[in-house]
PDB file of N, CA and C in Angstrom:
ATOM      1  N   UNK A   1       0.901  -1.015   0.099  1.00  0.00           N
ATOM      2  CA  UNK A   1       0.084   0.061   0.170  1.00  0.00           C
ATOM      3  C   UNK A   1       0.949   1.223   0.210  1.00  0.00           C
ATOM      4  N   UNK A   2       0.364   2.297  -0.584  1.00  0.00           N
ATOM      5  CA  UNK A   2       1.126   3.490  -0.781  1.00  0.00           C
ATOM      6  C   UNK A   2       0.225   4.697  -0.702  1.00  0.00           C
ATOM      7  N   UNK A   3       0.535   5.838  -0.816  1.00  0.00           N
ATOM      8  CA  UNK A   3      -0.499   7.198  -0.754  1.00  0.00           C
ATOM      9  C   UNK A   3      -0.025   8.138  -1.909  1.00  0.00           C
ATOM     10  N   UNK A   4      -1.045   8.473  -2.529  1.00  0.00           N
ATOM     11  CA  UNK A   4      -0.629   9.181  -3.979  1.00  0.00           C
ATOM     12  C   UNK A   4      -0.429  10.666  -3.314  1.00  0.00           C
ATOM     13  N   UNK A   5      -0.366  11.592  -4.310  1.00  0.00           N
ATOM     14  CA  UNK A   5       0.049  13.115  -3.934  1.00  0.00           C
ATOM     15  C   UNK A   5      -0.841  13.511  -3.279  1.00  0.00           C
ATOM     16  N   UNK A   6      -2.402  13.282  -3.026  1.00  0.00           N
ATOM     17  CA  UNK A   6      -3.383  13.826  -2.505  1.00  0.00           C
ATOM     18  C   UNK A   6      -3.312  13.309  -1.149  1.00  0.00           C
ATOM     19  N   UNK A   7      -2.617  12.028  -0.785  1.00  0.00           N
ATOM     20  CA  UNK A   7      -2.883  11.515   0.552  1.00  0.00           C
ATOM     21  C   UNK A   7      -3.702  10.397   0.618  1.00  0.00           C
ATOM     22  N   UNK A   8      -4.233   9.866  -0.347  1.00  0.00           N
ATOM     23  CA  UNK A   8      -5.175   8.878  -0.673  1.00  0.00           C
ATOM     24  C   UNK A   8      -4.673   7.481  -0.647  1.00  0.00           C
ATOM     25  N   UNK A   9      -4.818   6.557   0.249  1.00  0.00           N
ATOM     26  CA  UNK A   9      -4.167   5.212   0.156  1.00  0.00           C
ATOM     27  C   UNK A   9      -4.645   4.779  -1.157  1.00  0.00           C
ATOM     28  N   UNK A  10      -3.751   3.837  -1.560  1.00  0.00           N
ATOM     29  CA  UNK A  10      -3.651   2.909  -2.960  1.00  0.00           C
ATOM     30  C   UNK A  10      -3.299   1.757  -2.618  1.00  0.00           C
ATOM     31  N   UNK A  11      -4.109   0.823  -3.047  1.00  0.00           N
ATOM     32  CA  UNK A  11      -3.833  -0.733  -2.826  1.00  0.00           C
ATOM     33  C   UNK A  11      -3.397  -1.256  -4.411  1.00  0.00           C
ATOM     34  N   UNK A  12      -2.113  -1.558  -4.193  1.00  0.00           N
ATOM     35  CA  UNK A  12      -1.592  -2.206  -5.844  1.00  0.00           C
ATOM     36  C   UNK A  12      -0.909  -3.291  -5.511  1.00  0.00           C
ATOM     37  N   UNK A  13      -0.720  -3.939  -6.390  1.00  0.00           N
ATOM     38  CA  UNK A  13       0.189  -5.179  -6.629  1.00  0.00           C
ATOM     39  C   UNK A  13       1.019  -5.302  -7.989  1.00  0.00           C
ATOM     40  N   UNK A  14       1.820  -5.776  -7.948  1.00  0.00           N
ATOM     41  CA  UNK A  14       2.888  -6.112  -9.081  1.00  0.00           C
ATOM     42  C   UNK A  14       2.610  -7.846  -9.466  1.00  0.00           C
ATOM     43  N   UNK A  15       2.790  -7.890 -10.733  1.00  0.00           N
ATOM     44  CA  UNK A  15       2.821  -9.377 -11.285  1.00  0.00           C
ATOM     45  C   UNK A  15       4.396  -9.622 -11.821  1.00  0.00           C
ATOM     46  N   UNK A  16       5.160 -10.325 -11.214  1.00  0.00           N
ATOM     47  CA  UNK A  16       6.525 -10.730 -11.697  1.00  0.00           C
ATOM     48  C   UNK A  16       6.363 -11.723 -12.744  1.00  0.00           C
ATOM     49  N   UNK A  17       7.128 -11.609 -13.728  1.00  0.00           N
ATOM     50  CA  UNK A  17       7.180 -12.620 -14.885  1.00  0.00           C
ATOM     51  C   UNK A  17       8.571 -13.256 -14.836  1.00  0.00           C
ATOM     52  N   UNK A  18       8.564 -14.503 -15.241  1.00  0.00           N
ATOM     53  CA  UNK A  18       9.903 -15.230 -15.489  1.00  0.00           C
ATOM     54  C   UNK A  18       9.580 -15.960 -16.878  1.00  0.00           C
ATOM     55  N   UNK A  19      10.857 -16.641 -17.201  1.00  0.00           N
ATOM     56  CA  UNK A  19      10.698 -17.358 -18.513  1.00  0.00           C
ATOM     57  C   UNK A  19       9.620 -18.303 -18.473  1.00  0.00           C
ATOM     58  N   UNK A  20       8.946 -18.999 -19.550  1.00  0.00           N
ATOM     59  CA  UNK A  20       8.035 -19.854 -19.336  1.00  0.00           C
ATOM     60  C   UNK A  20       8.363 -21.468 -19.402  1.00  0.00           C
ATOM     61  N   UNK A  21       7.750 -22.074 -18.560  1.00  0.00           N
ATOM     62  CA  UNK A  21       7.877 -23.570 -18.619  1.00  0.00           C
ATOM     63  C   UNK A  21       7.712 -24.346 -19.920  1.00  0.00           C
ATOM     64  N   UNK A  22       7.939 -25.513 -19.806  1.00  0.00           N
ATOM     65  CA  UNK A  22       7.459 -26.315 -21.168  1.00  0.00           C
ATOM     66  C   UNK A  22       5.941 -26.222 -21.804  1.00  0.00           C
ATOM     67  N   UNK A  23       5.040 -26.207 -20.725  1.00  0.00           N
ATOM     68  CA  UNK A  23       3.609 -25.847 -21.032  1.00  0.00           C
ATOM     69  C   UNK A  23       3.336 -24.653 -21.481  1.00  0.00           C
ATOM     70  N   UNK A  24       3.628 -23.617 -21.195  1.00  0.00           N
ATOM     71  CA  UNK A  24       3.403 -22.284 -21.501  1.00  0.00           C
ATOM     72  C   UNK A  24       4.327 -21.783 -22.554  1.00  0.00           C
ATOM     73  N   UNK A  25       5.416 -22.401 -22.861  1.00  0.00           N
ATOM     74  CA  UNK A  25       6.250 -21.940 -23.959  1.00  0.00           C
ATOM     75  C   UNK A  25       5.583 -21.635 -25.387  1.00  0.00           C
ATOM     76  N   UNK A  26       4.819 -22.610 -25.676  1.00  0.00           N
ATOM     77  CA  UNK A  26       4.221 -22.423 -26.924  1.00  0.00           C
ATOM     78  C   UNK A  26       3.182 -21.486 -27.017  1.00  0.00           C
ATOM     79  N   UNK A  27       2.814 -20.943 -25.696  1.00  0.00           N
ATOM     80  CA  UNK A  27       1.693 -19.748 -25.791  1.00  0.00           C
ATOM     81  C   UNK A  27       2.311 -18.326 -25.603  1.00  0.00           C
ATOM     82  N   UNK A  28       3.458 -18.318 -24.779  1.00  0.00           N
ATOM     83  CA  UNK A  28       3.893 -17.110 -24.635  1.00  0.00           C
ATOM     84  C   UNK A  28       5.512 -17.221 -24.414  1.00  0.00           C
ATOM     85  N   UNK A  29       6.020 -16.130 -24.310  1.00  0.00           N
ATOM     86  CA  UNK A  29       7.682 -16.086 -24.033  1.00  0.00           C
ATOM     87  C   UNK A  29       7.936 -15.597 -22.293  1.00  0.00           C
ATOM     88  N   UNK A  30       6.624 -15.362 -21.725  1.00  0.00           N
ATOM     89  CA  UNK A  30       6.944 -15.053 -20.359  1.00  0.00           C
ATOM     90  C   UNK A  30       5.548 -15.978 -19.495  1.00  0.00           C
ATOM     91  N   UNK A  31       5.887 -16.032 -18.330  1.00  0.00           N
ATOM     92  CA  UNK A  31       4.781 -16.475 -17.421  1.00  0.00           C
ATOM     93  C   UNK A  31       4.864 -15.760 -15.807  1.00  0.00           C
ATOM     94  N   UNK A  32       3.664 -15.769 -15.503  1.00  0.00           N
ATOM     95  CA  UNK A  32       3.794 -15.314 -13.907  1.00  0.00           C
ATOM     96  C   UNK A  32       4.788 -15.964 -13.087  1.00  0.00           C
ATOM     97  N   UNK A  33       5.309 -15.538 -12.269  1.00  0.00           N
ATOM     98  CA  UNK A  33       5.969 -16.169 -11.209  1.00  0.00           C
ATOM     99  C   UNK A  33       5.032 -16.901 -10.412  1.00  0.00           C
ATOM    100  N   UNK A  34       4.993 -18.256  -9.945  1.00  0.00           N
ATOM    101  CA  UNK A  34       4.210 -18.935  -9.115  1.00  0.00           C
ATOM    102  C   UNK A  34       5.125 -19.663  -7.975  1.00  0.00           C
ATOM    103  N   UNK A  35       4.443 -19.336  -6.830  1.00  0.00           N
ATOM    104  CA  UNK A  35       5.445 -20.337  -6.163  1.00  0.00           C
ATOM    105  C   UNK A  35       4.637 -20.714  -4.754  1.00  0.00           C
ATOM    106  N   UNK A  36       5.205 -21.835  -4.083  1.00  0.00           N
ATOM    107  CA  UNK A  36       4.699 -22.394  -2.944  1.00  0.00           C
ATOM    108  C   UNK A  36       4.643 -21.581  -1.486  1.00  0.00           C
ATOM    109  N   UNK A  37       4.297 -21.920  -0.607  1.00  0.00           N
ATOM    110  CA  UNK A  37       4.510 -21.128   0.829  1.00  0.00           C
ATOM    111  C   UNK A  37       5.908 -21.396   1.163  1.00  0.00           C
ATOM    112  N   UNK A  38       6.712 -22.115   0.946  1.00  0.00           N
ATOM    113  CA  UNK A  38       7.905 -22.087   1.414  1.00  0.00           C
ATOM    114  C   UNK A  38       8.596 -21.018   0.784  1.00  0.00           C
ATOM    115  N   UNK A  39       8.447 -20.893  -0.712  1.00  0.00           N
ATOM    116  CA  UNK A  39       9.183 -19.984  -1.383  1.00  0.00           C
ATOM    117  C   UNK A  39       8.647 -18.504  -1.213  1.00  0.00           C
ATOM    118  N   UNK A  40       7.259 -18.421  -0.891  1.00  0.00           N
ATOM    119  CA  UNK A  40       6.563 -17.160  -0.656  1.00  0.00           C
ATOM    120  C   UNK A  40       7.370 -16.751   0.608  1.00  0.00           C
ATOM    121  N   UNK A  41       7.450 -17.610   1.722  1.00  0.00           N
ATOM    122  CA  UNK A  41       8.142 -17.120   2.753  1.00  0.00           C
ATOM    123  C   UNK A  41       9.500 -16.509   2.747  1.00  0.00           C
ATOM    124  N   UNK A  42      10.286 -17.500   1.773  1.00  0.00           N
ATOM    125  CA  UNK A  42      11.543 -17.001   1.549  1.00  0.00           C
ATOM    126  C   UNK A  42      11.556 -15.470   0.880  1.00  0.00           C
ATOM    127  N   UNK A  43      10.603 -15.531  -0.175  1.00  0.00           N
ATOM    128  CA  UNK A  43      10.572 -14.077  -0.722  1.00  0.00           C
ATOM    129  C   UNK A  43      10.273 -12.809   0.061  1.00  0.00           C
ATOM    130  N   UNK A  44       9.233 -13.308   0.987  1.00  0.00           N
ATOM    131  CA  UNK A  44       8.919 -12.064   2.117  1.00  0.00           C
ATOM    132  C   UNK A  44       9.707 -12.014   3.239  1.00  0.00           C
ATOM    133  N   UNK A  45      10.719 -12.970   3.460  1.00  0.00           N
ATOM    134  CA  UNK A  45      11.457 -12.854   4.520  1.00  0.00           C
ATOM    135  C   UNK A  45      12.558 -11.743   4.729  1.00  0.00           C
ATOM    136  N   UNK A  46      12.417 -11.113   6.020  1.00  0.00           N
ATOM    137  CA  UNK A  46      13.220  -9.839   6.114  1.00  0.00           C
ATOM    138  C   UNK A  46      14.773 -10.105   5.618  1.00  0.00           C
ATOM    139  N   UNK A  47      15.177 -11.565   5.895  1.00  0.00           N
ATOM    140  CA  UNK A  47      16.592 -11.879   5.957  1.00  0.00           C
ATOM    141  C   UNK A  47      16.705 -12.431   4.479  1.00  0.00           C
ATOM    142  N   UNK A  48      15.997 -12.382   3.544  1.00  0.00           N
ATOM    143  CA  UNK A  48      16.153 -12.801   2.242  1.00  0.00           C
ATOM    144  C   UNK A  48      17.153 -11.896   1.759  1.00  0.00           C
ATOM    145  N   UNK A  49      18.259 -12.373   0.963  1.00  0.00           N
ATOM    146  CA  UNK A  49      19.437 -11.881   0.660  1.00  0.00           C
ATOM    147  C   UNK A  49      19.435 -11.725  -0.982  1.00  0.00           C
ATOM    148  N   UNK A  50      20.002 -10.734  -1.303  1.00  0.00           N
ATOM    149  CA  UNK A  50      20.239 -10.805  -2.866  1.00  0.00           C
ATOM    150  C   UNK A  50      20.936 -11.463  -3.524  1.00  0.00           C
ATOM    151  N   UNK A  51      21.377 -12.395  -2.891  1.00  0.00           N
ATOM    152  CA  UNK A  51      22.040 -13.611  -3.758  1.00  0.00           C
ATOM    153  C   UNK A  51      21.788 -14.195  -5.063  1.00  0.00           C
ATOM    154  N   UNK A  52      22.400 -14.302  -5.936  1.00  0.00           N
ATOM    155  CA  UNK A  52      21.699 -14.959  -7.434  1.00  0.00           C
ATOM    156  C   UNK A  52      21.102 -16.172  -6.953  1.00  0.00           C
ATOM    157  N   UNK A  53      21.601 -16.935  -6.375  1.00  0.00           N
ATOM    158  CA  UNK A  53      20.956 -18.276  -5.937  1.00  0.00           C
ATOM    159  C   UNK A  53      19.796 -18.365  -5.360  1.00  0.00           C
ATOM    160  N   UNK A  54      19.570 -17.440  -4.529  1.00  0.00           N
ATOM    161  CA  UNK A  54      18.331 -17.189  -3.639  1.00  0.00           C
ATOM    162  C   UNK A  54      16.907 -16.692  -4.677  1.00  0.00           C
ATOM    163  N   UNK A  55      17.586 -15.670  -5.391  1.00  0.00           N
ATOM    164  CA  UNK A  55      16.517 -15.062  -6.387  1.00  0.00           C
ATOM    165  C   UNK A  55      16.259 -16.077  -7.511  1.00  0.00           C
ATOM    166  N   UNK A  56      17.095 -16.750  -7.784  1.00  0.00           N
ATOM    167  CA  UNK A  56      16.964 -17.904  -9.164  1.00  0.00           C
ATOM    168  C   UNK A  56      15.768 -18.871  -8.492  1.00  0.00           C
ATOM    169  N   UNK A  57      16.027 -19.187  -7.285  1.00  0.00           N
ATOM    170  CA  UNK A  57      15.176 -20.196  -6.871  1.00  0.00           C
ATOM    171  C   UNK A  57      13.891 -19.815  -6.676  1.00  0.00           C
ATOM    172  N   UNK A  58      13.458 -18.658  -6.281  1.00  0.00           N
ATOM    173  CA  UNK A  58      12.236 -18.051  -6.128  1.00  0.00           C
ATOM    174  C   UNK A  58      11.743 -17.653  -7.540  1.00  0.00           C
ATOM    175  N   UNK A  59      12.583 -17.348  -8.349  1.00  0.00           N
ATOM    176  CA  UNK A  59      12.028 -16.717  -9.633  1.00  0.00           C
ATOM    177  C   UNK A  59      11.889 -17.881 -10.706  1.00  0.00           C
ATOM    178  N   UNK A  60      12.436 -18.968 -10.411  1.00  0.00           N
ATOM    179  CA  UNK A  60      12.110 -20.135 -11.465  1.00  0.00           C
ATOM    180  C   UNK A  60      10.849 -20.567 -12.075  1.00  0.00           C
ATOM    181  N   UNK A  61      10.626 -20.708 -13.343  1.00  0.00           N
ATOM    182  CA  UNK A  61       9.239 -21.106 -13.707  1.00  0.00           C
ATOM    183  C   UNK A  61       8.668 -22.397 -12.852  1.00  0.00           C
ATOM    184  N   UNK A  62       7.358 -22.343 -12.546  1.00  0.00           N
ATOM    185  CA  UNK A  62       6.602 -23.414 -11.846  1.00  0.00           C
ATOM    186  C   UNK A  62       6.797 -24.622 -12.637  1.00  0.00           C
ATOM    187  N   UNK A  63       6.936 -25.893 -11.941  1.00  0.00           N
ATOM    188  CA  UNK A  63       6.974 -27.016 -12.865  1.00  0.00           C
ATOM    189  C   UNK A  63       5.658 -27.437 -13.802  1.00  0.00           C
ATOM    190  N   UNK A  64       5.935 -27.723 -15.084  1.00  0.00           N
ATOM    191  CA  UNK A  64       4.604 -28.086 -16.111  1.00  0.00           C
ATOM    192  C   UNK A  64       3.772 -29.050 -15.433  1.00  0.00           C
ATOM    193  N   UNK A  65       4.571 -29.824 -14.714  1.00  0.00           N
ATOM    194  CA  UNK A  65       3.730 -31.296 -14.320  1.00  0.00           C
ATOM    195  C   UNK A  65       3.040 -31.018 -13.533  1.00  0.00           C
ATOM    196  N   UNK A  66       2.884 -29.858 -12.619  1.00  0.00           N
ATOM    197  CA  UNK A  66       1.928 -29.431 -11.773  1.00  0.00           C
ATOM    198  C   UNK A  66       0.889 -28.505 -12.296  1.00  0.00           C
ATOM    199  N   UNK A  67       0.877 -28.245 -13.517  1.00  0.00           N
ATOM    200  CA  UNK A  67       0.031 -27.283 -14.184  1.00  0.00           C
ATOM    201  C   UNK A  67      -1.025 -28.161 -15.105  1.00  0.00           C
ATOM    202  N   UNK A  68      -1.931 -27.460 -15.808  1.00  0.00           N
ATOM    203  CA  UNK A  68      -3.097 -27.809 -16.832  1.00  0.00           C
ATOM    204  C   UNK A  68      -3.215 -26.907 -17.946  1.00  0.00           C
ATOM    205  N   UNK A  69      -3.128 -27.071 -18.956  1.00  0.00           N
ATOM    206  CA  UNK A  69      -3.360 -26.097 -20.287  1.00  0.00           C
ATOM    207  C   UNK A  69      -4.654 -26.392 -20.687  1.00  0.00           C
ATOM    208  N   UNK A  70      -5.675 -25.508 -21.000  1.00  0.00           N
ATOM    209  CA  UNK A  70      -6.838 -25.824 -21.808  1.00  0.00           C
ATOM    210  C   UNK A  70      -7.356 -24.359 -22.522  1.00  0.00           C
ATOM    211  N   UNK A  71      -7.932 -24.901 -23.637  1.00  0.00           N
ATOM    212  CA  UNK A  71      -8.394 -23.578 -24.615  1.00  0.00           C
ATOM    213  C   UNK A  71      -9.695 -22.969 -23.642  1.00  0.00           C
ATOM    214  N   UNK A  72      -9.483 -21.779 -23.613  1.00  0.00           N
ATOM    215  CA  UNK A  72     -10.828 -20.947 -23.203  1.00  0.00           C
ATOM    216  C   UNK A  72     -11.227 -20.091 -24.079  1.00  0.00           C
ATOM    217  N   UNK A  73     -12.548 -19.351 -24.112  1.00  0.00           N
ATOM    218  CA  UNK A  73     -13.231 -18.075 -24.947  1.00  0.00           C
ATOM    219  C   UNK A  73     -12.201 -16.977 -24.943  1.00  0.00           C
ATOM    220  N   UNK A  74     -12.062 -16.392 -26.293  1.00  0.00           N
ATOM    221  CA  UNK A  74     -11.580 -15.234 -26.401  1.00  0.00           C
ATOM    222  C   UNK A  74     -11.962 -14.248 -25.529  1.00  0.00           C
ATOM    223  N   UNK A  75     -13.172 -14.264 -24.706  1.00  0.00           N
ATOM    224  CA  UNK A  75     -13.713 -13.411 -23.826  1.00  0.00           C
ATOM    225  C   UNK A  75     -12.687 -12.847 -22.581  1.00  0.00           C
ATOM    226  N   UNK A  76     -11.896 -13.963 -22.471  1.00  0.00           N
ATOM    227  CA  UNK A  76     -11.073 -13.895 -21.112  1.00  0.00           C
ATOM    228  C   UNK A  76      -9.897 -12.501 -21.464  1.00  0.00           C
ATOM    229  N   UNK A  77      -9.956 -12.207 -22.537  1.00  0.00           N
ATOM    230  CA  UNK A  77      -8.953 -10.870 -23.045  1.00  0.00           C
ATOM    231  C   UNK A  77      -9.357  -9.654 -22.840  1.00  0.00           C
ATOM    232  N   UNK A  78     -10.875  -9.587 -22.294  1.00  0.00           N
ATOM    233  CA  UNK A  78     -11.358  -8.315 -21.962  1.00  0.00           C
ATOM    234  C   UNK A  78     -11.652  -8.308 -20.312  1.00  0.00           C
ATOM    235  N   UNK A  79     -11.049  -7.226 -19.901  1.00  0.00           N
ATOM    236  CA  UNK A  79     -11.080  -7.050 -18.404  1.00  0.00           C
ATOM    237  C   UNK A  79     -12.408  -6.988 -17.682  1.00  0.00           C
ATOM    238  N   UNK A  80     -13.256  -6.452 -18.528  1.00  0.00           N
ATOM    239  CA  UNK A  80     -14.889  -6.267 -18.185  1.00  0.00           C
ATOM    240  C   UNK A  80     -15.390  -7.578 -18.017  1.00  0.00           C
ATOM    241  N   UNK A  81     -15.261  -8.735 -18.778  1.00  0.00           N
ATOM    242  CA  UNK A  81     -15.756  -9.921 -18.885  1.00  0.00           C
ATOM    243  C   UNK A  81     -14.980 -10.565 -17.405  1.00  0.00           C
ATOM    244  N   UNK A  82     -15.704 -10.628 -16.360  1.00  0.00           N
ATOM    245  CA  UNK A  82     -15.374 -11.453 -15.015  1.00  0.00           C
ATOM    246  C   UNK A  82     -16.318 -12.405 -14.922  1.00  0.00           C
ATOM    247  N   UNK A  83     -16.465 -13.167 -15.326  1.00  0.00           N
ATOM    248  CA  UNK A  83     -17.419 -14.541 -15.195  1.00  0.00           C
ATOM    249  C   UNK A  83     -16.915 -15.884 -15.420  1.00  0.00           C
ATOM    250  N   UNK A  84     -17.508 -16.822 -15.017  1.00  0.00           N
ATOM    251  CA  UNK A  84     -17.030 -18.155 -14.675  1.00  0.00           C
ATOM    252  C   UNK A  84     -16.627 -18.537 -16.363  1.00  0.00           C
ATOM    253  N   UNK A  85     -17.463 -17.994 -17.357  1.00  0.00           N
ATOM    254  CA  UNK A  85     -17.356 -18.181 -18.526  1.00  0.00           C
ATOM    255  C   UNK A  85     -15.567 -18.161 -19.082  1.00  0.00           C
ATOM    256  N   UNK A  86     -15.004 -17.333 -18.359  1.00  0.00           N
ATOM    257  CA  UNK A  86     -13.641 -17.076 -18.912  1.00  0.00           C
ATOM    258  C   UNK A  86     -12.648 -18.377 -18.758  1.00  0.00           C
ATOM    259  N   UNK A  87     -12.869 -19.032 -17.710  1.00  0.00           N
ATOM    260  CA  UNK A  87     -11.920 -20.158 -17.380  1.00  0.00           C
ATOM    261  C   UNK A  87     -12.869 -21.393 -17.926  1.00  0.00           C
ATOM    262  N   UNK A  88     -14.016 -21.494 -18.432  1.00  0.00           N
ATOM    263  CA  UNK A  88     -14.518 -22.696 -18.839  1.00  0.00           C
ATOM    264  C   UNK A  88     -13.958 -23.295 -20.213  1.00  0.00           C
ATOM    265  N   UNK A  89     -13.618 -24.448 -20.182  1.00  0.00           N
ATOM    266  CA  UNK A  89     -13.015 -25.048 -21.427  1.00  0.00           C
ATOM    267  C   UNK A  89     -13.935 -24.757 -22.442  1.00  0.00           C
ATOM    268  N   UNK A  90     -13.305 -24.367 -23.471  1.00  0.00           N
ATOM    269  CA  UNK A  90     -14.077 -24.183 -24.977  1.00  0.00           C
ATOM    270  C   UNK A  90     -14.896 -25.430 -25.415  1.00  0.00           C
ATOM    271  N   UNK A  91     -14.494 -26.724 -24.950  1.00  0.00           N
ATOM    272  CA  UNK A  91     -15.070 -27.750 -25.556  1.00  0.00           C
ATOM    273  C   UNK A  91     -16.290 -28.133 -24.711  1.00  0.00           C
ATOM    274  N   UNK A  92     -16.548 -27.479 -23.501  1.00  0.00           N
ATOM    275  CA  UNK A  92     -18.035 -27.485 -22.774  1.00  0.00           C
ATOM    276  C   UNK A  92     -18.847 -26.609 -22.943  1.00  0.00           C
ATOM    277  N   UNK A  93     -18.501 -25.777 -24.205  1.00  0.00           N
ATOM    278  CA  UNK A  93     -19.794 -24.814 -24.157  1.00  0.00           C
ATOM    279  C   UNK A  93     -19.472 -24.220 -25.758  1.00  0.00           C
ATOM    280  N   UNK A  94     -20.345 -23.361 -26.160  1.00  0.00           N
ATOM    281  CA  UNK A  94     -20.415 -22.555 -27.449  1.00  0.00           C
ATOM    282  C   UNK A  94     -20.118 -21.058 -27.062  1.00  0.00           C
ATOM    283  N   UNK A  95     -19.274 -20.724 -28.039  1.00  0.00           N
ATOM    284  CA  UNK A  95     -19.009 -19.312 -28.025  1.00  0.00           C
ATOM    285  C   UNK A  95     -18.849 -18.648 -29.406  1.00  0.00           C
ATOM    286  N   UNK A  96     -18.789 -17.267 -29.590  1.00  0.00           N
ATOM    287  CA  UNK A  96     -18.936 -16.788 -30.794  1.00  0.00           C
ATOM    288  C   UNK A  96     -17.513 -15.822 -30.677  1.00  0.00           C
ATOM    289  N   UNK A  97     -16.895 -15.344 -31.688  1.00  0.00           N
ATOM    290  CA  UNK A  97     -15.779 -14.787 -31.767  1.00  0.00           C
ATOM    291  C   UNK A  97     -15.946 -13.174 -31.601  1.00  0.00           C
ATOM    292  N   UNK A  98     -15.499 -12.562 -30.868  1.00  0.00           N
ATOM    293  CA  UNK A  98     -15.836 -11.018 -30.938  1.00  0.00           C
ATOM    294  C   UNK A  98     -14.973 -10.253 -31.441  1.00  0.00           C
TER     295      UNK A  98
END
């Protein structure tokens, strides 16, 4: 959280990207950093050091074997579309291209 020039509180976040794993490589040249509780603690720990090994461990691509990919509707690309349809597999429903 931080404050803008008028002193209003702003709640923000950042998505940190890394190189894609084998599952996402055909889709994009980057992927969000995803980590488990242990790596989250390491990332947020006050004694977390800037060593290359520590940073590399936390920012490594999430294992493909623990992920699943499926085709979804192109409506997922519009921020105003915030419905369960955005994550429903295409094979389970009909949609039209926008």
